[in-house]
Amino acid sequence: MATEGGGWTLVLAPAALKDLKRLSKTDRERIVAAIDRLPAGDVRRLRGPRPEWRLRVGDWRIRFERDDQARQINVLAVRSRGSAYRR
């Protein structure tokens, strides 16, 4: 699924959509609102071979990749804090 937000194109991976469907309505609304504001928010680059980033929303973490030239954000997963960094 792709949407346009703040000049950036947001692409949600099937795994991220599946993660969102599992959440309660209130958590889902908070997270979707935060995703719409990307790349703003509590965003940090993750260490590792892939250029991944994370957005913190309470106890939830949104993992994503960003392409500054294409102005595209690929949301990879929405996970709880405890499981967000496991592969």
C-alpha atoms as a PDB file:
ATOM      1  CA  MET A   1       0.000   0.000   0.000  1.00  0.00           C
ATOM      2  CA  ALA A   2       1.400   3.433  -0.947  1.00  0.00           C
ATOM      3  CA  THR A   3       0.277   6.873   0.187  1.00  0.00           C
ATOM      4  CA  GLU A   4       1.569  10.415  -0.217  1.00  0.00           C
ATOM      5  CA  GLY A   5       2.405  12.222   3.012  1.00  0.00           C
ATOM      6  CA  GLY A   6       4.219  15.540   3.437  1.00  0.00           C
ATOM      7  CA  GLY A   7       5.945  15.250   0.081  1.00  0.00           C
ATOM      8  CA  TRP A   8       7.135  11.740   0.883  1.00  0.00           C
ATOM      9  CA  THR A   9       5.680   8.572  -0.596  1.00  0.00           C
ATOM     10  CA  LEU A  10       4.896   5.993   2.094  1.00  0.00           C
ATOM     11  CA  VAL A  11       4.954   2.319   1.125  1.00  0.00           C
ATOM     12  CA  LEU A  12       3.760  -0.232   3.673  1.00  0.00           C
ATOM     13  CA  ALA A  13       5.099  -3.738   3.250  1.00  0.00           C
ATOM     14  CA  PRO A  14       2.599  -6.607   3.555  1.00  0.00           C
ATOM     15  CA  ALA A  15       4.222  -7.605   6.866  1.00  0.00           C
ATOM     16  CA  ALA A  16       3.681  -4.077   8.245  1.00  0.00           C
ATOM     17  CA  LEU A  17       0.012  -4.128   7.200  1.00  0.00           C
ATOM     18  CA  LYS A  18      -0.396  -7.500   8.898  1.00  0.00           C
ATOM     19  CA  ASP A  19       1.246  -6.126  12.062  1.00  0.00           C
ATOM     20  CA  LEU A  20      -1.122  -3.132  12.064  1.00  0.00           C
ATOM     21  CA  LYS A  21      -4.206  -5.340  11.717  1.00  0.00           C
ATOM     22  CA  ARG A  22      -3.243  -7.202  14.898  1.00  0.00           C
ATOM     23  CA  LEU A  23      -3.241  -4.039  17.036  1.00  0.00           C
ATOM     24  CA  SER A  24      -6.078  -2.524  19.017  1.00  0.00           C
ATOM     25  CA  LYS A  25      -7.954   0.314  17.343  1.00  0.00           C
ATOM     26  CA  THR A  26      -6.412   3.004  19.589  1.00  0.00           C
ATOM     27  CA  ASP A  27      -2.836   1.751  19.073  1.00  0.00           C
ATOM     28  CA  ARG A  28      -3.409   1.409  15.331  1.00  0.00           C
ATOM     29  CA  GLU A  29      -4.732   4.989  15.076  1.00  0.00           C
ATOM     30  CA  ARG A  30      -1.754   6.389  17.032  1.00  0.00           C
ATOM     31  CA  ILE A  31       0.742   4.469  14.912  1.00  0.00           C
ATOM     32  CA  VAL A  32      -0.877   5.346  11.576  1.00  0.00           C
ATOM     33  CA  ALA A  33      -0.894   9.034  12.578  1.00  0.00           C
ATOM     34  CA  ALA A  34       2.816   8.815  13.461  1.00  0.00           C
ATOM     35  CA  ILE A  35       3.612   7.052  10.168  1.00  0.00           C
ATOM     36  CA  ASP A  36       1.798   9.824   8.279  1.00  0.00           C
ATOM     37  CA  ARG A  37       4.120  12.375   9.916  1.00  0.00           C
ATOM     38  CA  LEU A  38       7.308  10.557   8.853  1.00  0.00           C
ATOM     39  CA  PRO A  39      10.167  11.439   8.589  1.00  0.00           C
ATOM     40  CA  ALA A  40       9.409  13.611  11.656  1.00  0.00           C
ATOM     41  CA  GLY A  41       9.095  12.173  15.145  1.00  0.00           C
ATOM     42  CA  ASP A  42      11.364  10.167  17.440  1.00  0.00           C
ATOM     43  CA  VAL A  43      13.396   8.703  14.565  1.00  0.00           C
ATOM     44  CA  ARG A  44      16.817   7.059  14.891  1.00  0.00           C
ATOM     45  CA  ARG A  45      19.070   5.242  12.464  1.00  0.00           C
ATOM     46  CA  LEU A  46      19.700   1.617  13.402  1.00  0.00           C
ATOM     47  CA  ARG A  47      23.137   0.072  13.296  1.00  0.00           C
ATOM     48  CA  GLY A  48      23.817  -2.732  10.883  1.00  0.00           C
ATOM     49  CA  PRO A  49      24.567  -3.460   7.255  1.00  0.00           C
ATOM     50  CA  ARG A  50      21.165  -2.224   6.002  1.00  0.00           C
ATOM     51  CA  PRO A  51      20.266   1.472   6.235  1.00  0.00           C
ATOM     52  CA  GLU A  52      17.203   1.011   8.449  1.00  0.00           C
ATOM     53  CA  TRP A  53      15.533   3.509  10.741  1.00  0.00           C
ATOM     54  CA  ARG A  54      13.048   3.241  13.585  1.00  0.00           C
ATOM     55  CA  LEU A  55      10.225   5.438  14.785  1.00  0.00           C
ATOM     56  CA  ARG A  56       9.221   5.154  18.441  1.00  0.00           C
ATOM     57  CA  VAL A  57       5.537   5.495  19.334  1.00  0.00           C
ATOM     58  CA  GLY A  58       5.123   4.646  23.020  1.00  0.00           C
ATOM     59  CA  ASP A  59       5.955   0.949  23.434  1.00  0.00           C
ATOM     60  CA  TRP A  60       5.777   0.357  19.668  1.00  0.00           C
ATOM     61  CA  ARG A  61       8.571   0.569  17.109  1.00  0.00           C
ATOM     62  CA  ILE A  62       8.102   1.140  13.392  1.00  0.00           C
ATOM     63  CA  ARG A  63      11.046  -0.066  11.320  1.00  0.00           C
ATOM     64  CA  PHE A  64      11.513   1.552   7.936  1.00  0.00           C
ATOM     65  CA  GLU A  65      13.925   2.358   5.138  1.00  0.00           C
ATOM     66  CA  ARG A  66      14.106   5.797   3.558  1.00  0.00           C
ATOM     67  CA  ASP A  67      15.285   6.937   0.158  1.00  0.00           C
ATOM     68  CA  ASP A  68      16.004  10.666   0.377  1.00  0.00           C
ATOM     69  CA  GLN A  69      16.513  11.106  -3.375  1.00  0.00           C
ATOM     70  CA  ALA A  70      13.193   9.496  -4.305  1.00  0.00           C
ATOM     71  CA  ARG A  71      11.532  10.891  -1.133  1.00  0.00           C
ATOM     72  CA  GLN A  72      10.141   7.438  -0.370  1.00  0.00           C
ATOM     73  CA  ILE A  73       9.726   5.669   2.975  1.00  0.00           C
ATOM     74  CA  ASN A  74       9.263   1.899   3.042  1.00  0.00           C
ATOM     75  CA  VAL A  75       7.637   0.762   6.303  1.00  0.00           C
ATOM     76  CA  LEU A  76       8.908  -2.750   7.007  1.00  0.00           C
ATOM     77  CA  ALA A  77       7.362  -3.715  10.349  1.00  0.00           C
ATOM     78  CA  VAL A  78       5.393  -2.510  13.371  1.00  0.00           C
ATOM     79  CA  ARG A  79       6.439  -4.361  16.507  1.00  0.00           C
ATOM     80  CA  SER A  80       6.458  -4.045  20.260  1.00  0.00           C
ATOM     81  CA  ARG A  81       9.613  -2.689  21.838  1.00  0.00           C
ATOM     82  CA  GLY A  82      10.736  -6.132  23.007  1.00  0.00           C
ATOM     83  CA  SER A  83      10.550  -7.817  19.616  1.00  0.00           C
ATOM     84  CA  ALA A  84      11.265  -4.935  17.235  1.00  0.00           C
ATOM     85  CA  TYR A  85      14.983  -5.560  16.850  1.00  0.00           C
ATOM     86  CA  ARG A  86      14.992  -9.328  16.542  1.00  0.00           C
ATOM     87  CA  ARG A  87      15.376 -10.938  13.144  1.00  0.00           C
END
